[in-house]
C-alpha atoms as a PDB file:
ATOM      1  CA  MET A   1      29.278  -6.727  -9.008  1.00  0.00           C
ATOM      2  CA  ARG A   2      28.168  -8.661 -12.080  1.00  0.00           C
ATOM      3  CA  VAL A   3      26.169 -11.087  -9.972  1.00  0.00           C
ATOM      4  CA  LEU A   4      24.401  -8.227  -8.181  1.00  0.00           C
ATOM      5  CA  LYS A   5      23.345  -6.747 -11.523  1.00  0.00           C
ATOM      6  CA  LEU A   6      22.166 -10.166 -12.640  1.00  0.00           C
ATOM      7  CA  ILE A   7      20.114 -10.625  -9.480  1.00  0.00           C
ATOM      8  CA  ALA A   8      18.566  -7.151  -9.729  1.00  0.00           C
ATOM      9  CA  LEU A   9      17.614  -7.561 -13.381  1.00  0.00           C
ATOM     10  CA  THR A  10      16.173 -11.035 -12.932  1.00  0.00           C
ATOM     11  CA  LEU A  11      14.195  -9.919  -9.877  1.00  0.00           C
ATOM     12  CA  ILE A  12      12.607  -7.125 -11.867  1.00  0.00           C
ATOM     13  CA  GLY A  13      12.067  -9.251 -14.964  1.00  0.00           C
ATOM     14  CA  GLY A  14      10.683 -12.210 -13.038  1.00  0.00           C
ATOM     15  CA  TYR A  15       8.314 -10.005 -11.082  1.00  0.00           C
ATOM     16  CA  LEU A  16       6.985  -8.301 -14.207  1.00  0.00           C
ATOM     17  CA  PHE A  17       6.621 -11.652 -15.970  1.00  0.00           C
ATOM     18  CA  GLY A  18       4.663 -13.012 -12.991  1.00  0.00           C
ATOM     19  CA  ILE A  19       2.331 -10.019 -12.944  1.00  0.00           C
ATOM     20  CA  MET A  20       1.670 -10.356 -16.686  1.00  0.00           C
ATOM     21  CA  LEU A  21       1.134 -14.107 -16.362  1.00  0.00           C
ATOM     22  CA  SER A  22      -1.270 -13.542 -13.472  1.00  0.00           C
ATOM     23  CA  GLU A  23      -3.258 -11.092 -15.567  1.00  0.00           C
ATOM     24  CA  VAL A  24      -3.437 -13.507 -18.500  1.00  0.00           C
ATOM     25  CA  ILE A  25      -4.619 -16.281 -16.167  1.00  0.00           C
ATOM     26  CA  GLY A  26      -7.223 -13.907 -14.745  1.00  0.00           C
ATOM     27  CA  ILE A  27      -8.492 -12.895 -18.183  1.00  0.00           C
ATOM     28  CA  ILE A  28      -8.718 -16.496 -19.384  1.00  0.00           C
ATOM     29  CA  GLY A  29     -10.465 -17.506 -16.160  1.00  0.00           C
ATOM     30  CA  TYR A  30     -12.971 -14.703 -16.497  1.00  0.00           C
ATOM     31  CA  VAL A  31     -13.714 -15.542 -20.135  1.00  0.00           C
ATOM     32  CA  VAL A  32     -13.884 -19.321 -19.702  1.00  0.00           C
ATOM     33  CA  PHE A  33     -15.353 -19.721 -16.203  1.00  0.00           C
ATOM     34  CA  ASP A  34     -17.066 -16.316 -15.839  1.00  0.00           C
ATOM     35  CA  GLN A  35     -15.383 -15.717 -12.484  1.00  0.00           C
ATOM     36  CA  LYS A  36     -12.165 -14.265 -11.125  1.00  0.00           C
ATOM     37  CA  ILE A  37      -9.312 -16.739 -10.737  1.00  0.00           C
ATOM     38  CA  GLY A  38      -5.611 -16.317 -10.209  1.00  0.00           C
ATOM     39  CA  ILE A  39      -2.539 -17.300  -8.281  1.00  0.00           C
ATOM     40  CA  LYS A  40      -1.788 -15.074  -5.316  1.00  0.00           C
ATOM     41  CA  PHE A  41       1.799 -13.760  -5.150  1.00  0.00           C
ATOM     42  CA  LEU A  42       2.698 -15.156  -8.597  1.00  0.00           C
ATOM     43  CA  GLY A  43       4.957 -12.149  -9.258  1.00  0.00           C
ATOM     44  CA  PHE A  44       7.046 -12.855  -6.175  1.00  0.00           C
ATOM     45  CA  ILE A  45       7.221 -16.579  -6.901  1.00  0.00           C
ATOM     46  CA  THR A  46       8.422 -16.073 -10.469  1.00  0.00           C
ATOM     47  CA  ALA A  47      10.946 -13.458  -9.316  1.00  0.00           C
ATOM     48  CA  ILE A  48      12.500 -15.874  -6.818  1.00  0.00           C
ATOM     49  CA  VAL A  49      12.514 -18.768  -9.290  1.00  0.00           C
ATOM     50  CA  SER A  50      14.070 -16.632 -12.013  1.00  0.00           C
ATOM     51  CA  VAL A  51      16.844 -15.401  -9.694  1.00  0.00           C
ATOM     52  CA  ALA A  52      17.654 -18.957  -8.626  1.00  0.00           C
ATOM     53  CA  ALA A  53      17.753 -20.145 -12.231  1.00  0.00           C
ATOM     54  CA  ALA A  54      19.901 -17.200 -13.345  1.00  0.00           C
ATOM     55  CA  VAL A  55      22.439 -17.676 -10.548  1.00  0.00           C
ATOM     56  CA  VAL A  56      22.741 -21.409 -11.253  1.00  0.00           C
ATOM     57  CA  TRP A  57      23.109 -20.740 -14.992  1.00  0.00           C
ATOM     58  CA  ASP A  58      25.714 -18.027 -14.369  1.00  0.00           C
ATOM     59  CA  ARG A  59      27.801 -20.309 -12.162  1.00  0.00           C
ATOM     60  CA  LYS A  60      27.711 -23.063 -14.787  1.00  0.00           C
ATOM     61  CA  GLN A  61      28.851 -20.589 -17.435  1.00  0.00           C
ATOM     62  CA  ALA A  62      31.671 -19.351 -15.200  1.00  0.00           C
ATOM     63  CA  LYS A  63      32.794 -22.931 -14.577  1.00  0.00           C
ATOM     64  CA  LYS A  64      32.874 -23.627 -18.329  1.00  0.00           C
ATOM     65  CA  ALA A  65      34.882 -20.474 -18.987  1.00  0.00           C
ATOM     66  CA  SER A  66      37.491 -21.329 -16.385  1.00  0.00           C
ATOM     67  CA  VAL A  67      38.116 -24.841 -17.702  1.00  0.00           C
END
């Protein structure tokens, strides 16, 4: 149950972080290069990466606690 909550929260947080990062990249690209730039699907990519990192970190913490 704890892992499911962790996955849900990191999916949401990673997605929102990716959307914000994509917007910042777009704003900087528009100001610097005077054209639209960005990374397509950055929200989904950061969500998946954040879930993977959180699960690995959680398993390491659980291993430390059991030793």
